[in-house]
Amino acid sequence: MSAVCPIVSHQVDENKVRLVALCTTLLSLAACYTLSPVLISLLVFDFFLRAFALGPFSPLARVADLLLSFLPLDPTLTNYGPKLFATRLGFVMLALIALATGAELLLASKIMLLMLALFAFLEAAFSFCVGCVIYSQLQRLRHAI
C-alpha cells in the first residue's frame, strides 16, 4: 500500500510515530469524556504544528522523544509522506471537532473524537495508517474519473 501513498525523501522513526499516536489516543479519549476546550485546543495546536512543518515544537512529539529516551528501541525508519497526509487529515478533523464543540454539537464532537482515538489507536497498536488507506482510495477514485 505504501507505493500509492505520498512518498517523500524524508524518513521518520516509526517508534516515535506510534508513541505520538498513543498520546493522541489517550488525549482524544480524555477530550471525549470531558469535552475540555483545553484538551481539544492542545490537540488542534499539536496537529497544526506537525501538519505544517513545525513538528519539532509539537508537545506530543516532545513527549514521544522523552519516552523513547527511556525505551530500548532501535529506530525503525518509515516514509514521512503518508504520516504527513494522515496528520493533515487529523488537523482538519480536529478543526471540525473544535467548531462542533463551540457550536455545542456535543454528540458530533464526541463521535469525531472517538473516531480520532480509533485511528490513532490503530497506528499506535498495529502501525496501521488510516490516512494512507484514505489516500489510496482517493487516488483510485481520481484515476477512475
C-alpha atoms as a PDB file:
ATOM      1  CA  MET A   1       0.000   0.000   0.000  1.00  0.00           C
ATOM      2  CA  SER A   2       2.883   2.408   0.646  1.00  0.00           C
ATOM      3  CA  ALA A   3       3.573   2.538  -3.103  1.00  0.00           C
ATOM      4  CA  VAL A   4       0.459   4.674  -3.624  1.00  0.00           C
ATOM      5  CA  CYS A   5       0.978   6.875  -0.573  1.00  0.00           C
ATOM      6  CA  PRO A   6       2.588  10.285  -0.944  1.00  0.00           C
ATOM      7  CA  ILE A   7       6.262   9.362  -0.950  1.00  0.00           C
ATOM      8  CA  VAL A   8       8.800  11.974   0.114  1.00  0.00           C
ATOM      9  CA  SER A   9      12.532  11.761   0.676  1.00  0.00           C
ATOM     10  CA  HIS A  10      12.234  12.375   4.431  1.00  0.00           C
ATOM     11  CA  GLN A  11      12.124   9.395   6.814  1.00  0.00           C
ATOM     12  CA  VAL A  12      10.762   9.308  10.381  1.00  0.00           C
ATOM     13  CA  ASP A  13      11.132   6.857  13.249  1.00  0.00           C
ATOM     14  CA  GLU A  14       8.086   4.581  13.308  1.00  0.00           C
ATOM     15  CA  ASN A  15       8.514   4.159  17.084  1.00  0.00           C
ATOM     16  CA  LYS A  16       8.118   7.904  17.580  1.00  0.00           C
ATOM     17  CA  VAL A  17       5.099   7.980  15.257  1.00  0.00           C
ATOM     18  CA  ARG A  18       3.468   5.205  17.252  1.00  0.00           C
ATOM     19  CA  LEU A  19       4.166   6.909  20.595  1.00  0.00           C
ATOM     20  CA  VAL A  20       2.678  10.171  19.302  1.00  0.00           C
ATOM     21  CA  ALA A  21      -0.343   8.142  18.164  1.00  0.00           C
ATOM     22  CA  LEU A  22      -0.610   6.599  21.642  1.00  0.00           C
ATOM     23  CA  CYS A  23      -0.579  10.078  23.216  1.00  0.00           C
ATOM     24  CA  THR A  24      -3.193  11.188  20.679  1.00  0.00           C
ATOM     25  CA  THR A  25      -5.364   8.190  21.569  1.00  0.00           C
ATOM     26  CA  LEU A  26      -5.222   8.970  25.281  1.00  0.00           C
ATOM     27  CA  LEU A  27      -5.829  12.707  24.850  1.00  0.00           C
ATOM     28  CA  SER A  28      -8.689  12.093  22.403  1.00  0.00           C
ATOM     29  CA  LEU A  29     -10.392   9.744  24.842  1.00  0.00           C
ATOM     30  CA  ALA A  30      -9.922  12.222  27.694  1.00  0.00           C
ATOM     31  CA  ALA A  31     -11.272  15.036  25.498  1.00  0.00           C
ATOM     32  CA  CYS A  32     -14.244  12.873  24.516  1.00  0.00           C
ATOM     33  CA  TYR A  33     -15.049  12.169  28.157  1.00  0.00           C
ATOM     34  CA  THR A  34     -14.640  15.761  29.374  1.00  0.00           C
ATOM     35  CA  LEU A  35     -15.143  17.838  26.198  1.00  0.00           C
ATOM     36  CA  SER A  36     -12.480  20.069  27.708  1.00  0.00           C
ATOM     37  CA  PRO A  37     -11.667  23.037  25.453  1.00  0.00           C
ATOM     38  CA  VAL A  38      -8.113  22.884  26.808  1.00  0.00           C
ATOM     39  CA  LEU A  39      -7.587  19.290  25.647  1.00  0.00           C
ATOM     40  CA  ILE A  40      -9.217  19.924  22.278  1.00  0.00           C
ATOM     41  CA  SER A  41      -7.120  23.077  21.808  1.00  0.00           C
ATOM     42  CA  LEU A  42      -3.961  21.176  22.726  1.00  0.00           C
ATOM     43  CA  LEU A  43      -4.746  18.536  20.108  1.00  0.00           C
ATOM     44  CA  VAL A  44      -5.561  21.153  17.447  1.00  0.00           C
ATOM     45  CA  PHE A  45      -2.340  23.048  18.247  1.00  0.00           C
ATOM     46  CA  ASP A  46      -0.218  19.900  18.211  1.00  0.00           C
ATOM     47  CA  PHE A  47      -1.641  18.624  14.927  1.00  0.00           C
ATOM     48  CA  PHE A  48      -1.223  22.086  13.384  1.00  0.00           C
ATOM     49  CA  LEU A  49       2.463  22.116  14.307  1.00  0.00           C
ATOM     50  CA  ARG A  50       3.059  18.630  12.923  1.00  0.00           C
ATOM     51  CA  ALA A  51       0.946  19.195   9.788  1.00  0.00           C
ATOM     52  CA  PHE A  52       2.723  22.388   8.773  1.00  0.00           C
ATOM     53  CA  ALA A  53       6.445  21.665   9.203  1.00  0.00           C
ATOM     54  CA  LEU A  54       6.752  22.715  12.841  1.00  0.00           C
ATOM     55  CA  GLY A  55       6.940  19.162  14.206  1.00  0.00           C
ATOM     56  CA  PRO A  56       9.983  19.767  16.431  1.00  0.00           C
ATOM     57  CA  PHE A  57       7.819  22.128  18.518  1.00  0.00           C
ATOM     58  CA  SER A  58       4.967  19.619  18.887  1.00  0.00           C
ATOM     59  CA  PRO A  59       4.249  18.830  22.560  1.00  0.00           C
ATOM     60  CA  LEU A  60       3.285  15.237  21.714  1.00  0.00           C
ATOM     61  CA  ALA A  61       6.436  14.740  19.637  1.00  0.00           C
ATOM     62  CA  ARG A  62       8.486  16.006  22.582  1.00  0.00           C
ATOM     63  CA  VAL A  63       6.724  13.578  24.931  1.00  0.00           C
ATOM     64  CA  ALA A  64       7.437  10.777  22.445  1.00  0.00           C
ATOM     65  CA  ASP A  65      11.120  11.797  22.315  1.00  0.00           C
ATOM     66  CA  LEU A  66      11.272  11.715  26.113  1.00  0.00           C
ATOM     67  CA  LEU A  67       9.638   8.274  26.247  1.00  0.00           C
ATOM     68  CA  LEU A  68      11.981   6.980  23.540  1.00  0.00           C
ATOM     69  CA  SER A  69      14.982   8.061  25.605  1.00  0.00           C
ATOM     70  CA  PHE A  70      13.896   5.539  28.267  1.00  0.00           C
ATOM     71  CA  LEU A  71      12.919   2.698  25.932  1.00  0.00           C
ATOM     72  CA  PRO A  72      15.471   0.278  24.469  1.00  0.00           C
ATOM     73  CA  LEU A  73      14.157   0.568  20.904  1.00  0.00           C
ATOM     74  CA  ASP A  74      16.211   0.830  17.754  1.00  0.00           C
ATOM     75  CA  PRO A  75      14.877   3.394  15.277  1.00  0.00           C
ATOM     76  CA  THR A  76      12.707   1.932  12.526  1.00  0.00           C
ATOM     77  CA  LEU A  77      12.562   4.355   9.621  1.00  0.00           C
ATOM     78  CA  THR A  78       9.440   4.834   7.536  1.00  0.00           C
ATOM     79  CA  ASN A  79       8.468   7.313   4.849  1.00  0.00           C
ATOM     80  CA  TYR A  80       7.180  10.631   6.163  1.00  0.00           C
ATOM     81  CA  GLY A  81       4.714  11.263   3.313  1.00  0.00           C
ATOM     82  CA  PRO A  82       1.852   9.015   4.486  1.00  0.00           C
ATOM     83  CA  LYS A  83       2.274  10.226   8.062  1.00  0.00           C
ATOM     84  CA  LEU A  84       2.126  13.859   6.931  1.00  0.00           C
ATOM     85  CA  PHE A  85      -1.048  13.205   4.926  1.00  0.00           C
ATOM     86  CA  ALA A  86      -2.639  11.484   7.948  1.00  0.00           C
ATOM     87  CA  THR A  87      -1.587  14.331  10.249  1.00  0.00           C
ATOM     88  CA  ARG A  88      -3.179  16.885   7.927  1.00  0.00           C
ATOM     89  CA  LEU A  89      -6.399  14.850   7.875  1.00  0.00           C
ATOM     90  CA  GLY A  90      -6.251  14.738  11.666  1.00  0.00           C
ATOM     91  CA  PHE A  91      -5.809  18.506  11.800  1.00  0.00           C
ATOM     92  CA  VAL A  92      -8.891  19.032   9.609  1.00  0.00           C
ATOM     93  CA  MET A  93     -10.826  16.592  11.775  1.00  0.00           C
ATOM     94  CA  LEU A  94      -9.746  18.407  14.951  1.00  0.00           C
ATOM     95  CA  ALA A  95     -10.687  21.781  13.471  1.00  0.00           C
ATOM     96  CA  LEU A  96     -14.165  20.342  12.823  1.00  0.00           C
ATOM     97  CA  ILE A  97     -14.245  18.977  16.383  1.00  0.00           C
ATOM     98  CA  ALA A  98     -13.358  22.411  17.767  1.00  0.00           C
ATOM     99  CA  LEU A  99     -16.063  24.062  15.643  1.00  0.00           C
ATOM    100  CA  ALA A 100     -18.655  21.443  16.614  1.00  0.00           C
ATOM    101  CA  THR A 101     -17.791  21.806  20.290  1.00  0.00           C
ATOM    102  CA  GLY A 102     -18.009  25.604  20.047  1.00  0.00           C
ATOM    103  CA  ALA A 103     -21.415  25.270  18.380  1.00  0.00           C
ATOM    104  CA  GLU A 104     -22.462  22.888  21.178  1.00  0.00           C
ATOM    105  CA  LEU A 105     -22.884  19.971  18.774  1.00  0.00           C
ATOM    106  CA  LEU A 106     -21.569  17.760  21.535  1.00  0.00           C
ATOM    107  CA  LEU A 107     -22.626  14.390  20.138  1.00  0.00           C
ATOM    108  CA  ALA A 108     -20.881  15.187  16.847  1.00  0.00           C
ATOM    109  CA  SER A 109     -17.765  16.246  18.783  1.00  0.00           C
ATOM    110  CA  LYS A 110     -17.745  13.022  20.779  1.00  0.00           C
ATOM    111  CA  ILE A 111     -18.234  10.836  17.697  1.00  0.00           C
ATOM    112  CA  MET A 112     -15.369  12.563  15.866  1.00  0.00           C
ATOM    113  CA  LEU A 113     -13.113  12.361  18.945  1.00  0.00           C
ATOM    114  CA  LEU A 114     -13.836   8.632  19.217  1.00  0.00           C
ATOM    115  CA  MET A 115     -13.031   8.222  15.511  1.00  0.00           C
ATOM    116  CA  LEU A 116      -9.756  10.103  16.000  1.00  0.00           C
ATOM    117  CA  ALA A 117      -8.949   7.933  19.024  1.00  0.00           C
ATOM    118  CA  LEU A 118      -9.673   4.785  16.996  1.00  0.00           C
ATOM    119  CA  PHE A 119      -7.491   5.892  14.074  1.00  0.00           C
ATOM    120  CA  ALA A 120      -4.657   6.855  16.429  1.00  0.00           C
ATOM    121  CA  PHE A 121      -5.009   3.552  18.300  1.00  0.00           C
ATOM    122  CA  LEU A 122      -4.725   1.592  15.045  1.00  0.00           C
ATOM    123  CA  GLU A 123      -1.482   3.436  14.280  1.00  0.00           C
ATOM    124  CA  ALA A 124      -0.134   3.027  17.815  1.00  0.00           C
ATOM    125  CA  ALA A 125      -1.025  -0.642  18.267  1.00  0.00           C
ATOM    126  CA  PHE A 126      -0.724  -2.072  14.765  1.00  0.00           C
ATOM    127  CA  SER A 127       1.148   0.549  12.718  1.00  0.00           C
ATOM    128  CA  PHE A 128      -1.960   0.745  10.531  1.00  0.00           C
ATOM    129  CA  CYS A 129      -2.259   4.191   8.947  1.00  0.00           C
ATOM    130  CA  VAL A 130      -5.890   5.013   8.122  1.00  0.00           C
ATOM    131  CA  GLY A 131      -4.741   8.171   6.327  1.00  0.00           C
ATOM    132  CA  CYS A 132      -2.739   6.030   3.911  1.00  0.00           C
ATOM    133  CA  VAL A 133      -5.814   3.937   3.127  1.00  0.00           C
ATOM    134  CA  ILE A 134      -7.859   7.088   2.522  1.00  0.00           C
ATOM    135  CA  TYR A 135      -5.128   8.457   0.256  1.00  0.00           C
ATOM    136  CA  SER A 136      -5.050   5.236  -1.810  1.00  0.00           C
ATOM    137  CA  GLN A 137      -8.825   5.289  -2.222  1.00  0.00           C
ATOM    138  CA  LEU A 138      -8.719   8.929  -3.328  1.00  0.00           C
ATOM    139  CA  GLN A 139      -6.042   8.047  -5.885  1.00  0.00           C
ATOM    140  CA  ARG A 140      -8.132   5.135  -7.163  1.00  0.00           C
ATOM    141  CA  LEU A 141     -11.166   7.388  -7.470  1.00  0.00           C
ATOM    142  CA  ARG A 142      -9.144  10.073  -9.248  1.00  0.00           C
ATOM    143  CA  HIS A 143      -7.852   7.562 -11.805  1.00  0.00           C
ATOM    144  CA  ALA A 144     -11.354   6.162 -12.358  1.00  0.00           C
ATOM    145  CA  ILE A 145     -12.763   9.559 -13.293  1.00  0.00           C
END
